[in-house]
C-alpha atoms as a PDB file:
ATOM      1  CA  MET A   1      -2.100 139.396  69.969  1.00  0.00           C
ATOM      2  CA  ILE A   2       0.043 137.201  67.154  1.00  0.00           C
ATOM      3  CA  GLU A   3       2.675 139.141  65.251  1.00  0.00           C
ATOM      4  CA  LEU A   4       4.421 137.635  62.046  1.00  0.00           C
ATOM      5  CA  ARG A   5       8.366 138.671  61.847  1.00  0.00           C
ATOM      6  CA  ARG A   6      10.261 138.101  58.735  1.00  0.00           C
ATOM      7  CA  GLY A   7      13.703 136.297  59.194  1.00  0.00           C
ATOM      8  CA  GLY A   8      16.710 134.733  57.156  1.00  0.00           C
ATOM      9  CA  ALA A   9      18.493 131.912  56.807  1.00  0.00           C
ATOM     10  CA  ASP A  10      20.387 132.588  60.167  1.00  0.00           C
ATOM     11  CA  ALA A  11      17.237 133.173  62.012  1.00  0.00           C
ATOM     12  CA  PHE A  12      15.559 130.185  60.830  1.00  0.00           C
ATOM     13  CA  VAL A  13      18.612 127.567  61.418  1.00  0.00           C
ATOM     14  CA  GLY A  14      18.865 129.254  64.981  1.00  0.00           C
ATOM     15  CA  SER A  15      15.095 128.320  65.366  1.00  0.00           C
ATOM     16  CA  LEU A  16      15.152 125.051  64.196  1.00  0.00           C
ATOM     17  CA  GLU A  17      14.108 123.073  67.324  1.00  0.00           C
ATOM     18  CA  THR A  18      11.195 124.874  67.995  1.00  0.00           C
ATOM     19  CA  VAL A  19      10.366 125.016  63.851  1.00  0.00           C
ATOM     20  CA  LEU A  20      10.867 120.879  64.201  1.00  0.00           C
ATOM     21  CA  ASP A  21       8.147 120.975  67.227  1.00  0.00           C
ATOM     22  CA  ILE A  22       5.713 122.999  65.367  1.00  0.00           C
ATOM     23  CA  TYR A  23       6.066 120.706  62.477  1.00  0.00           C
ATOM     24  CA  THR A  24       5.616 118.018  64.447  1.00  0.00           C
ATOM     25  CA  ALA A  25       2.345 119.271  66.072  1.00  0.00           C
ATOM     26  CA  ALA A  26       0.754 119.899  62.875  1.00  0.00           C
ATOM     27  CA  MET A  27       1.858 117.375  60.623  1.00  0.00           C
ATOM     28  CA  ARG A  28       1.868 114.580  63.039  1.00  0.00           C
ATOM     29  CA  PRO A  29       5.019 112.532  61.111  1.00  0.00           C
ATOM     30  CA  PRO A  30       6.536 109.233  62.563  1.00  0.00           C
ATOM     31  CA  PRO A  31       9.157 109.654  64.997  1.00  0.00           C
ATOM     32  CA  ASP A  32      11.770 108.348  62.747  1.00  0.00           C
ATOM     33  CA  GLN A  33      11.520 110.931  60.159  1.00  0.00           C
ATOM     34  CA  LEU A  34      12.076 113.922  62.251  1.00  0.00           C
ATOM     35  CA  SER A  35      15.921 114.024  61.717  1.00  0.00           C
ATOM     36  CA  GLY A  36      15.978 113.928  58.141  1.00  0.00           C
ATOM     37  CA  ARG A  37      13.120 116.451  58.365  1.00  0.00           C
ATOM     38  CA  MET A  38      15.805 118.723  60.132  1.00  0.00           C
ATOM     39  CA  ALA A  39      18.215 118.332  57.623  1.00  0.00           C
ATOM     40  CA  ILE A  40      16.232 119.179  54.653  1.00  0.00           C
ATOM     41  CA  MET A  41      14.882 122.353  56.352  1.00  0.00           C
ATOM     42  CA  ARG A  42      18.950 123.025  57.522  1.00  0.00           C
ATOM     43  CA  ASN A  43      19.478 122.550  53.539  1.00  0.00           C
ATOM     44  CA  HIS A  44      16.876 124.775  52.776  1.00  0.00           C
ATOM     45  CA  ALA A  45      17.733 127.594  54.182  1.00  0.00           C
ATOM     46  CA  THR A  46      20.993 127.599  52.186  1.00  0.00           C
ATOM     47  CA  TYR A  47      19.169 128.011  48.954  1.00  0.00           C
ATOM     48  CA  PRO A  48      18.784 131.287  46.783  1.00  0.00           C
ATOM     49  CA  GLU A  49      16.563 134.299  48.388  1.00  0.00           C
ATOM     50  CA  PHE A  50      15.926 131.998  50.948  1.00  0.00           C
ATOM     51  CA  VAL A  51      13.170 133.712  53.313  1.00  0.00           C
ATOM     52  CA  CYS A  52      11.214 132.655  56.637  1.00  0.00           C
ATOM     53  CA  VAL A  53       8.420 133.914  58.677  1.00  0.00           C
ATOM     54  CA  PHE A  54       7.461 133.472  62.350  1.00  0.00           C
ATOM     55  CA  ALA A  55       4.160 133.981  63.634  1.00  0.00           C
ATOM     56  CA  GLY A  56       4.437 134.429  67.847  1.00  0.00           C
ATOM     57  CA  ALA A  57       2.583 134.948  70.518  1.00  0.00           C
ATOM     58  CA  PRO A  58       5.247 136.171  72.054  1.00  0.00           C
ATOM     59  CA  GLU A  59       6.914 132.502  71.629  1.00  0.00           C
ATOM     60  CA  ILE A  60       6.773 130.928  68.204  1.00  0.00           C
ATOM     61  CA  VAL A  61       3.302 129.298  66.957  1.00  0.00           C
ATOM     62  CA  ALA A  62       3.582 129.012  63.501  1.00  0.00           C
ATOM     63  CA  PHE A  63       6.378 129.229  60.679  1.00  0.00           C
ATOM     64  CA  ALA A  64       6.595 129.267  56.820  1.00  0.00           C
ATOM     65  CA  TYR A  65       9.630 129.690  54.748  1.00  0.00           C
ATOM     66  CA  GLY A  66      10.288 129.414  50.906  1.00  0.00           C
ATOM     67  CA  PHE A  67      13.390 130.446  48.374  1.00  0.00           C
ATOM     68  CA  ARG A  68      13.742 131.232  44.620  1.00  0.00           C
ATOM     69  CA  GLY A  69      13.395 127.467  43.040  1.00  0.00           C
ATOM     70  CA  ALA A  70      16.080 126.456  40.666  1.00  0.00           C
ATOM     71  CA  GLN A  71      17.783 123.557  39.164  1.00  0.00           C
ATOM     72  CA  GLY A  72      19.566 121.211  41.241  1.00  0.00           C
ATOM     73  CA  GLN A  73      16.867 120.836  43.919  1.00  0.00           C
ATOM     74  CA  TRP A  74      15.168 117.688  44.831  1.00  0.00           C
ATOM     75  CA  TRP A  75      11.502 119.304  45.009  1.00  0.00           C
ATOM     76  CA  HIS A  76      12.193 121.786  42.038  1.00  0.00           C
ATOM     77  CA  ASP A  77      13.344 119.213  39.446  1.00  0.00           C
ATOM     78  CA  VAL A  78      11.003 116.426  40.712  1.00  0.00           C
ATOM     79  CA  VAL A  79       7.877 118.594  40.003  1.00  0.00           C
ATOM     80  CA  ARG A  80       9.145 120.634  37.224  1.00  0.00           C
ATOM     81  CA  ARG A  81       9.646 117.189  35.461  1.00  0.00           C
ATOM     82  CA  ALA A  82       6.538 115.697  36.392  1.00  0.00           C
ATOM     83  CA  LEU A  83       4.385 118.710  35.045  1.00  0.00           C
ATOM     84  CA  TYR A  84       6.567 118.905  31.941  1.00  0.00           C
ATOM     85  CA  GLU A  85       5.878 115.274  31.177  1.00  0.00           C
ATOM     86  CA  ARG A  86       2.022 116.033  31.983  1.00  0.00           C
ATOM     87  CA  ALA A  87       1.714 119.575  30.252  1.00  0.00           C
ATOM     88  CA  GLY A  88       4.231 120.139  27.944  1.00  0.00           C
ATOM     89  CA  PRO A  89       7.831 122.535  28.291  1.00  0.00           C
ATOM     90  CA  VAL A  90       5.752 125.567  27.718  1.00  0.00           C
ATOM     91  CA  ILE A  91       3.735 125.248  30.666  1.00  0.00           C
ATOM     92  CA  ALA A  92       6.528 123.534  32.942  1.00  0.00           C
ATOM     93  CA  ASP A  93       8.964 126.758  32.009  1.00  0.00           C
ATOM     94  CA  ASP A  94       6.090 129.262  32.917  1.00  0.00           C
ATOM     95  CA  TRP A  95       5.248 127.760  36.331  1.00  0.00           C
ATOM     96  CA  PHE A  96       8.878 126.982  37.229  1.00  0.00           C
ATOM     97  CA  GLY A  97      10.926 129.039  35.141  1.00  0.00           C
ATOM     98  CA  ASP A  98      10.803 131.788  37.647  1.00  0.00           C
ATOM     99  CA  ALA A  99       9.221 130.413  41.011  1.00  0.00           C
ATOM    100  CA  LEU A 100       9.104 131.408  44.760  1.00  0.00           C
ATOM    101  CA  GLU A 101       8.562 127.848  46.212  1.00  0.00           C
ATOM    102  CA  LEU A 102       6.963 127.437  49.412  1.00  0.00           C
ATOM    103  CA  ALA A 103       8.186 124.613  51.138  1.00  0.00           C
ATOM    104  CA  GLU A 104       6.718 124.631  54.533  1.00  0.00           C
ATOM    105  CA  ILE A 105       3.680 126.451  56.007  1.00  0.00           C
ATOM    106  CA  HIS A 106       2.843 125.190  59.509  1.00  0.00           C
ATOM    107  CA  VAL A 107       0.637 126.450  62.230  1.00  0.00           C
ATOM    108  CA  ARG A 108       0.377 124.522  65.932  1.00  0.00           C
ATOM    109  CA  PRO A 109      -3.268 123.146  65.831  1.00  0.00           C
ATOM    110  CA  ASP A 110      -4.163 125.512  68.682  1.00  0.00           C
ATOM    111  CA  PHE A 111      -3.703 128.628  66.810  1.00  0.00           C
ATOM    112  CA  GLN A 112      -5.167 127.022  63.441  1.00  0.00           C
ATOM    113  CA  GLY A 113      -7.790 128.815  61.834  1.00  0.00           C
ATOM    114  CA  LYS A 114      -7.253 132.498  62.978  1.00  0.00           C
ATOM    115  CA  GLY A 115      -5.679 133.703  59.745  1.00  0.00           C
ATOM    116  CA  ILE A 116      -2.163 133.090  60.526  1.00  0.00           C
ATOM    117  CA  GLY A 117      -1.204 131.049  57.778  1.00  0.00           C
ATOM    118  CA  ARG A 118      -2.659 133.478  55.220  1.00  0.00           C
ATOM    119  CA  GLY A 119      -0.738 136.154  56.835  1.00  0.00           C
ATOM    120  CA  MET A 120       2.458 134.249  56.681  1.00  0.00           C
ATOM    121  CA  ILE A 121       1.908 133.645  52.932  1.00  0.00           C
ATOM    122  CA  LYS A 122       1.474 136.759  51.705  1.00  0.00           C
ATOM    123  CA  ALA A 123       4.208 138.280  54.063  1.00  0.00           C
ATOM    124  CA  ILE A 124       6.615 135.478  52.638  1.00  0.00           C
ATOM    125  CA  CYS A 125       5.191 136.951  48.607  1.00  0.00           C
ATOM    126  CA  ALA A 126       5.148 140.347  49.035  1.00  0.00           C
ATOM    127  CA  ASP A 127       7.832 142.053  47.356  1.00  0.00           C
ATOM    128  CA  ARG A 128       9.288 139.053  45.844  1.00  0.00           C
ATOM    129  CA  THR A 129      10.454 139.378  42.115  1.00  0.00           C
ATOM    130  CA  GLU A 130       9.523 135.501  40.845  1.00  0.00           C
ATOM    131  CA  ARG A 131       6.805 135.425  38.866  1.00  0.00           C
ATOM    132  CA  THR A 132       4.784 132.488  40.289  1.00  0.00           C
ATOM    133  CA  ALA A 133       4.759 130.926  43.676  1.00  0.00           C
ATOM    134  CA  VAL A 134       4.115 127.445  43.873  1.00  0.00           C
ATOM    135  CA  LEU A 135       3.953 124.727  46.764  1.00  0.00           C
ATOM    136  CA  SER A 136       2.919 121.256  47.327  1.00  0.00           C
ATOM    137  CA  THR A 137      -0.154 119.891  49.207  1.00  0.00           C
ATOM    138  CA  HIS A 138      -2.052 116.911  50.441  1.00  0.00           C
ATOM    139  CA  ASP A 139      -4.405 115.839  47.887  1.00  0.00           C
ATOM    140  CA  ALA A 140      -7.585 116.175  49.294  1.00  0.00           C
ATOM    141  CA  PRO A 141     -10.004 118.680  50.658  1.00  0.00           C
ATOM    142  CA  THR A 142      -8.354 119.985  53.900  1.00  0.00           C
ATOM    143  CA  ALA A 143      -8.081 123.282  55.669  1.00  0.00           C
ATOM    144  CA  ALA A 144      -4.635 124.136  53.994  1.00  0.00           C
ATOM    145  CA  ARG A 145      -5.626 123.172  50.223  1.00  0.00           C
ATOM    146  CA  HIS A 146      -8.962 125.608  50.959  1.00  0.00           C
ATOM    147  CA  LEU A 147      -6.679 128.269  52.304  1.00  0.00           C
ATOM    148  CA  TYR A 148      -4.074 127.895  49.304  1.00  0.00           C
ATOM    149  CA  ARG A 149      -7.151 128.244  46.715  1.00  0.00           C
ATOM    150  CA  SER A 150      -8.838 131.333  48.454  1.00  0.00           C
ATOM    151  CA  ILE A 151      -5.440 133.386  48.053  1.00  0.00           C
ATOM    152  CA  GLY A 152      -5.451 132.310  44.596  1.00  0.00           C
ATOM    153  CA  PHE A 153      -3.529 129.100  43.992  1.00  0.00           C
ATOM    154  CA  LEU A 154      -4.897 126.510  40.907  1.00  0.00           C
ATOM    155  CA  ASP A 155      -4.030 123.312  40.738  1.00  0.00           C
ATOM    156  CA  LEU A 156      -1.382 122.452  38.428  1.00  0.00           C
ATOM    157  CA  MET A 157      -1.202 118.608  38.984  1.00  0.00           C
ATOM    158  CA  THR A 158      -3.401 116.696  41.024  1.00  0.00           C
ATOM    159  CA  GLU A 159      -2.647 112.425  42.125  1.00  0.00           C
ATOM    160  CA  PHE A 160       0.966 113.547  42.623  1.00  0.00           C
ATOM    161  CA  VAL A 161       3.165 110.933  44.206  1.00  0.00           C
ATOM    162  CA  PHE A 162       7.007 111.828  45.119  1.00  0.00           C
ATOM    163  CA  PRO A 163       9.201 109.521  44.261  1.00  0.00           C
ATOM    164  CA  GLY A 164       9.815 106.662  46.812  1.00  0.00           C
ATOM    165  CA  GLY A 165       5.935 107.777  48.437  1.00  0.00           C
ATOM    166  CA  TYR A 166       2.575 106.603  48.385  1.00  0.00           C
ATOM    167  CA  GLU A 167       0.797 109.622  49.751  1.00  0.00           C
ATOM    168  CA  THR A 168      -1.030 111.833  46.760  1.00  0.00           C
ATOM    169  CA  TYR A 169      -0.482 115.663  46.623  1.00  0.00           C
ATOM    170  CA  ALA A 170      -1.390 118.473  44.315  1.00  0.00           C
ATOM    171  CA  ILE A 171       0.748 120.984  43.195  1.00  0.00           C
ATOM    172  CA  ALA A 172      -0.568 124.236  43.324  1.00  0.00           C
ATOM    173  CA  GLY A 173       0.722 127.811  41.836  1.00  0.00           C
ATOM    174  CA  THR A 174      -0.421 131.513  41.444  1.00  0.00           C
ATOM    175  CA  ARG A 175       0.956 134.650  39.844  1.00  0.00           C
ATOM    176  CA  LEU A 176       2.986 137.307  41.671  1.00  0.00           C
ATOM    177  CA  PRO A 177       2.448 139.524  42.954  1.00  0.00           C
ATOM    178  CA  LEU A 178      -0.862 138.100  45.008  1.00  0.00           C
ATOM    179  CA  ALA A 179      -3.825 139.443  44.035  1.00  0.00           C
END
């Protein structure tokens, strides 16, 4: 049986090797990007109101984490500025002025499709004080995108390319608390 366990920054940083293994299995990034991804994840753990959820059986097979978005955080600044340019200041502030940013949600491929991702998202969003939750995902009809929509996430922007990147992403958001 899969159990969900909430944790803070210390638990997350202490599990970074396992987290990176799960990320690698789920996303299959080029090996030369892994040290940078680890540094980014370690840095995220320092952000305000960081929370992570691990799913275990009993070994960790999935993880997700988020934090309060704030000015000065790279993803927050880039995406908020793009939404501001596309939709105006009122919409950008509505979605990003008080947001829980879901940074990573990954499940080992052999455990996908069992409700683990949904459970982790609900656990992270539970009892949060932010007005919204936001995330980015590949702009394609993936299982992850279907999951986010089924939870209530709406597309705020599509065909978004991060600076220096080439893949297209959808930026999605939902109101908190989750329905």
